[in-house]
Amino acid sequence: QCKMFGIDFVSNDITASQISKSFDLIVDSIFGYSFKGSIRSPFDKVLPTLTASKLPIISVDIPSGWDVEQGNKSGQGLEPVMLVSLMAPKLCSKSFSGAHYLGGRFVPVDFAIKHKLNLPEYQGCAQVVKLESTRSKM
C-alpha cells in the first residue's frame, strides 16, 4: 500500500547523518500497543540511529521502546517531541513532557463512564484535541 502511494522505504543500514539530510521529522509508529520485552534486532540498531539523527520525533500512541505503563524504563526508547495518543492516553504518557494530542473519537460515552476515563471534549467534528498539559490527564 505504501509503494502504491509513492512512500519511500529506507534501508536498515541508513545512518543518522543520512536521515538528517533527507528528512525533516520522524513519525514513530514502529511498535504496536502490545510491545513487550527488550528491544530486539533490527530495532536495537534502528532506535539509536533515529535518536542520533537529532530530528524531531512524533510518536503515535506509545513511543517506540516504551513500556505501556512505566514509560521509558529501559532508557532505550525514543524521546519524541510530540505524542499523539489514540483512544485514550496510556499510563506511560504520565512521564511524557512534550506536546500531547489525543486523536480519534473511538471511545463510546458509556464505555468512558464505566471505566472512569477522563477524556477531553472534542470541539465540533474535530478528530483531534490538544491536551491542556504536557502531562496526561488520566
C-alpha atoms as a PDB file:
ATOM      1  CA  GLN A   1       0.000   0.000   0.000  1.00  0.00           C
ATOM      2  CA  CYS A   2       2.842   2.413   0.833  1.00  0.00           C
ATOM      3  CA  LYS A   3       4.523   1.705  -2.508  1.00  0.00           C
ATOM      4  CA  MET A   4       1.231   2.357  -4.284  1.00  0.00           C
ATOM      5  CA  PHE A   5       1.112   5.830  -2.702  1.00  0.00           C
ATOM      6  CA  GLY A   6       4.751   6.569  -3.548  1.00  0.00           C
ATOM      7  CA  ILE A   7       6.003   6.407   0.022  1.00  0.00           C
ATOM      8  CA  ASP A   8       9.714   5.672   0.017  1.00  0.00           C
ATOM      9  CA  PHE A   9      11.290   2.972   2.131  1.00  0.00           C
ATOM     10  CA  VAL A  10      14.710   3.354   3.711  1.00  0.00           C
ATOM     11  CA  SER A  11      17.185   0.546   4.167  1.00  0.00           C
ATOM     12  CA  ASN A  12      18.097  -0.839   7.577  1.00  0.00           C
ATOM     13  CA  ASP A  13      21.671   0.394   7.186  1.00  0.00           C
ATOM     14  CA  ILE A  14      20.826   4.101   6.775  1.00  0.00           C
ATOM     15  CA  THR A  15      22.933   6.353   9.007  1.00  0.00           C
ATOM     16  CA  ALA A  16      21.791   9.117  11.333  1.00  0.00           C
ATOM     17  CA  SER A  17      23.547  11.632   9.090  1.00  0.00           C
ATOM     18  CA  GLN A  18      21.695  10.380   6.006  1.00  0.00           C
ATOM     19  CA  ILE A  19      18.394  10.596   7.879  1.00  0.00           C
ATOM     20  CA  SER A  20      19.124  14.173   8.971  1.00  0.00           C
ATOM     21  CA  LYS A  21      19.979  15.238   5.424  1.00  0.00           C
ATOM     22  CA  SER A  22      16.987  13.545   3.784  1.00  0.00           C
ATOM     23  CA  PHE A  23      14.090  14.177   6.183  1.00  0.00           C
ATOM     24  CA  ASP A  24      12.582  16.925   8.332  1.00  0.00           C
ATOM     25  CA  LEU A  25      10.976  14.791  11.029  1.00  0.00           C
ATOM     26  CA  ILE A  26      10.329  11.209  12.049  1.00  0.00           C
ATOM     27  CA  VAL A  27       6.880   9.707  12.574  1.00  0.00           C
ATOM     28  CA  ASP A  28       7.333   6.858  15.011  1.00  0.00           C
ATOM     29  CA  SER A  29       4.822   4.049  14.803  1.00  0.00           C
ATOM     30  CA  ILE A  30       7.307   1.187  14.831  1.00  0.00           C
ATOM     31  CA  PHE A  31       5.833  -0.924  17.616  1.00  0.00           C
ATOM     32  CA  GLY A  32       2.220  -1.609  18.371  1.00  0.00           C
ATOM     33  CA  TYR A  33       0.337  -1.304  21.628  1.00  0.00           C
ATOM     34  CA  SER A  34       1.207  -4.837  22.704  1.00  0.00           C
ATOM     35  CA  PHE A  35       5.015  -4.471  22.505  1.00  0.00           C
ATOM     36  CA  LYS A  36       6.681  -6.138  25.497  1.00  0.00           C
ATOM     37  CA  GLY A  37      10.167  -7.204  26.464  1.00  0.00           C
ATOM     38  CA  SER A  38      13.540  -5.976  25.333  1.00  0.00           C
ATOM     39  CA  ILE A  39      14.156  -4.292  22.003  1.00  0.00           C
ATOM     40  CA  ARG A  40      15.202  -6.944  19.521  1.00  0.00           C
ATOM     41  CA  SER A  41      17.025  -6.872  16.189  1.00  0.00           C
ATOM     42  CA  PRO A  42      16.824  -4.934  13.911  1.00  0.00           C
ATOM     43  CA  PHE A  43      15.177  -2.345  16.168  1.00  0.00           C
ATOM     44  CA  ASP A  44      18.059  -2.398  18.671  1.00  0.00           C
ATOM     45  CA  LYS A  45      20.011  -0.529  15.964  1.00  0.00           C
ATOM     46  CA  VAL A  46      17.138   1.447  14.421  1.00  0.00           C
ATOM     47  CA  LEU A  47      16.060   3.294  17.572  1.00  0.00           C
ATOM     48  CA  PRO A  48      19.546   4.629  18.459  1.00  0.00           C
ATOM     49  CA  THR A  49      20.026   5.689  14.821  1.00  0.00           C
ATOM     50  CA  LEU A  50      16.752   7.634  14.851  1.00  0.00           C
ATOM     51  CA  THR A  51      17.701   9.279  18.131  1.00  0.00           C
ATOM     52  CA  ALA A  52      21.183  10.171  16.819  1.00  0.00           C
ATOM     53  CA  SER A  53      19.633  11.914  13.795  1.00  0.00           C
ATOM     54  CA  LYS A  54      18.516  14.709  16.151  1.00  0.00           C
ATOM     55  CA  LEU A  55      15.344  15.152  14.077  1.00  0.00           C
ATOM     56  CA  PRO A  56      12.092  15.861  15.901  1.00  0.00           C
ATOM     57  CA  ILE A  57      10.145  12.664  16.528  1.00  0.00           C
ATOM     58  CA  ILE A  58       6.362  12.411  16.642  1.00  0.00           C
ATOM     59  CA  SER A  59       5.202   9.167  18.237  1.00  0.00           C
ATOM     60  CA  VAL A  60       1.846   7.525  17.635  1.00  0.00           C
ATOM     61  CA  ASP A  61       0.110   6.155  20.756  1.00  0.00           C
ATOM     62  CA  ILE A  62       3.219   4.947  22.612  1.00  0.00           C
ATOM     63  CA  PRO A  63       6.819   5.994  21.871  1.00  0.00           C
ATOM     64  CA  SER A  64       8.740   3.025  20.482  1.00  0.00           C
ATOM     65  CA  GLY A  65      10.692   1.190  23.145  1.00  0.00           C
ATOM     66  CA  TRP A  66       8.480   2.430  25.990  1.00  0.00           C
ATOM     67  CA  ASP A  67       6.588   0.178  28.374  1.00  0.00           C
ATOM     68  CA  VAL A  68       2.844   0.905  28.061  1.00  0.00           C
ATOM     69  CA  GLU A  69       2.560   1.552  31.804  1.00  0.00           C
ATOM     70  CA  GLN A  70       6.038   2.528  33.023  1.00  0.00           C
ATOM     71  CA  GLY A  71       7.316   4.666  30.149  1.00  0.00           C
ATOM     72  CA  ASN A  72      10.940   4.603  29.004  1.00  0.00           C
ATOM     73  CA  LYS A  73      12.076   2.413  31.891  1.00  0.00           C
ATOM     74  CA  SER A  74      14.906   0.841  29.859  1.00  0.00           C
ATOM     75  CA  GLY A  75      16.217   4.207  28.688  1.00  0.00           C
ATOM     76  CA  GLN A  76      16.453   2.779  25.152  1.00  0.00           C
ATOM     77  CA  GLY A  77      13.140   4.103  23.858  1.00  0.00           C
ATOM     78  CA  LEU A  78      12.650   7.108  21.628  1.00  0.00           C
ATOM     79  CA  GLU A  79      12.129  10.542  23.208  1.00  0.00           C
ATOM     80  CA  PRO A  80       9.598  12.279  20.982  1.00  0.00           C
ATOM     81  CA  VAL A  81       8.754  15.977  20.995  1.00  0.00           C
ATOM     82  CA  MET A  82       5.111  15.145  20.328  1.00  0.00           C
ATOM     83  CA  LEU A  83       2.836  12.255  21.238  1.00  0.00           C
ATOM     84  CA  VAL A  84      -0.464  11.513  19.502  1.00  0.00           C
ATOM     85  CA  SER A  85      -2.392   9.141  21.763  1.00  0.00           C
ATOM     86  CA  LEU A  86      -5.157   7.043  20.243  1.00  0.00           C
ATOM     87  CA  MET A  87      -8.464   6.411  22.052  1.00  0.00           C
ATOM     88  CA  ALA A  88      -7.107   7.496  25.438  1.00  0.00           C
ATOM     89  CA  PRO A  89      -3.700   8.419  26.869  1.00  0.00           C
ATOM     90  CA  LYS A  90      -1.831   5.343  28.097  1.00  0.00           C
ATOM     91  CA  LEU A  91      -0.275   5.242  31.570  1.00  0.00           C
ATOM     92  CA  CYS A  92       3.192   5.771  30.103  1.00  0.00           C
ATOM     93  CA  SER A  93       2.152   9.228  28.913  1.00  0.00           C
ATOM     94  CA  LYS A  94       2.366  10.419  32.531  1.00  0.00           C
ATOM     95  CA  SER A  95       6.148  10.508  32.058  1.00  0.00           C
ATOM     96  CA  PHE A  96       5.955  12.296  28.691  1.00  0.00           C
ATOM     97  CA  SER A  97       6.723  16.006  28.708  1.00  0.00           C
ATOM     98  CA  GLY A  98       6.250  17.196  25.106  1.00  0.00           C
ATOM     99  CA  ALA A  99       3.192  18.351  23.145  1.00  0.00           C
ATOM    100  CA  HIS A 100       0.429  15.801  23.626  1.00  0.00           C
ATOM    101  CA  TYR A 101      -2.618  15.276  21.434  1.00  0.00           C
ATOM    102  CA  LEU A 102      -5.470  12.814  21.611  1.00  0.00           C
ATOM    103  CA  GLY A 103      -6.586  11.521  18.233  1.00  0.00           C
ATOM    104  CA  GLY A 104      -9.820   9.902  17.207  1.00  0.00           C
ATOM    105  CA  ARG A 105     -13.219   9.607  18.743  1.00  0.00           C
ATOM    106  CA  PHE A 106     -13.146   5.884  19.237  1.00  0.00           C
ATOM    107  CA  VAL A 107     -14.409   5.550  22.805  1.00  0.00           C
ATOM    108  CA  PRO A 108     -18.187   5.300  23.277  1.00  0.00           C
ATOM    109  CA  VAL A 109     -19.511   7.556  26.059  1.00  0.00           C
ATOM    110  CA  ASP A 110     -20.917   4.605  28.049  1.00  0.00           C
ATOM    111  CA  PHE A 111     -17.523   2.869  27.960  1.00  0.00           C
ATOM    112  CA  ALA A 112     -15.724   6.034  29.130  1.00  0.00           C
ATOM    113  CA  ILE A 113     -18.145   6.431  32.030  1.00  0.00           C
ATOM    114  CA  LYS A 114     -17.985   2.753  33.022  1.00  0.00           C
ATOM    115  CA  HIS A 115     -14.167   2.782  33.103  1.00  0.00           C
ATOM    116  CA  LYS A 116     -13.930   6.274  34.608  1.00  0.00           C
ATOM    117  CA  LEU A 117     -11.902   7.664  31.715  1.00  0.00           C
ATOM    118  CA  ASN A 118     -11.308  11.384  31.999  1.00  0.00           C
ATOM    119  CA  LEU A 119     -11.295  12.212  28.291  1.00  0.00           C
ATOM    120  CA  PRO A 120     -11.322  15.782  26.970  1.00  0.00           C
ATOM    121  CA  GLU A 121     -14.173  17.076  24.872  1.00  0.00           C
ATOM    122  CA  TYR A 122     -13.656  17.425  21.138  1.00  0.00           C
ATOM    123  CA  GLN A 123     -14.764  20.667  19.525  1.00  0.00           C
ATOM    124  CA  GLY A 124     -17.426  20.318  16.835  1.00  0.00           C
ATOM    125  CA  CYS A 125     -16.473  17.487  14.485  1.00  0.00           C
ATOM    126  CA  ALA A 126     -12.735  17.636  15.277  1.00  0.00           C
ATOM    127  CA  GLN A 127     -10.939  14.280  15.387  1.00  0.00           C
ATOM    128  CA  VAL A 128      -8.026  15.524  17.483  1.00  0.00           C
ATOM    129  CA  VAL A 129      -7.691  17.575  20.633  1.00  0.00           C
ATOM    130  CA  LYS A 130      -4.587  19.033  22.245  1.00  0.00           C
ATOM    131  CA  LEU A 131      -4.341  18.029  25.868  1.00  0.00           C
ATOM    132  CA  GLU A 132      -4.156  21.005  28.220  1.00  0.00           C
ATOM    133  CA  SER A 133      -0.989  19.985  29.972  1.00  0.00           C
ATOM    134  CA  THR A 134       2.209  18.303  28.852  1.00  0.00           C
ATOM    135  CA  ARG A 135       1.322  15.669  31.453  1.00  0.00           C
ATOM    136  CA  SER A 136      -1.642  13.481  30.536  1.00  0.00           C
ATOM    137  CA  LYS A 137      -4.857  13.589  32.443  1.00  0.00           C
ATOM    138  CA  MET A 138      -5.994  10.076  33.181  1.00  0.00           C
END
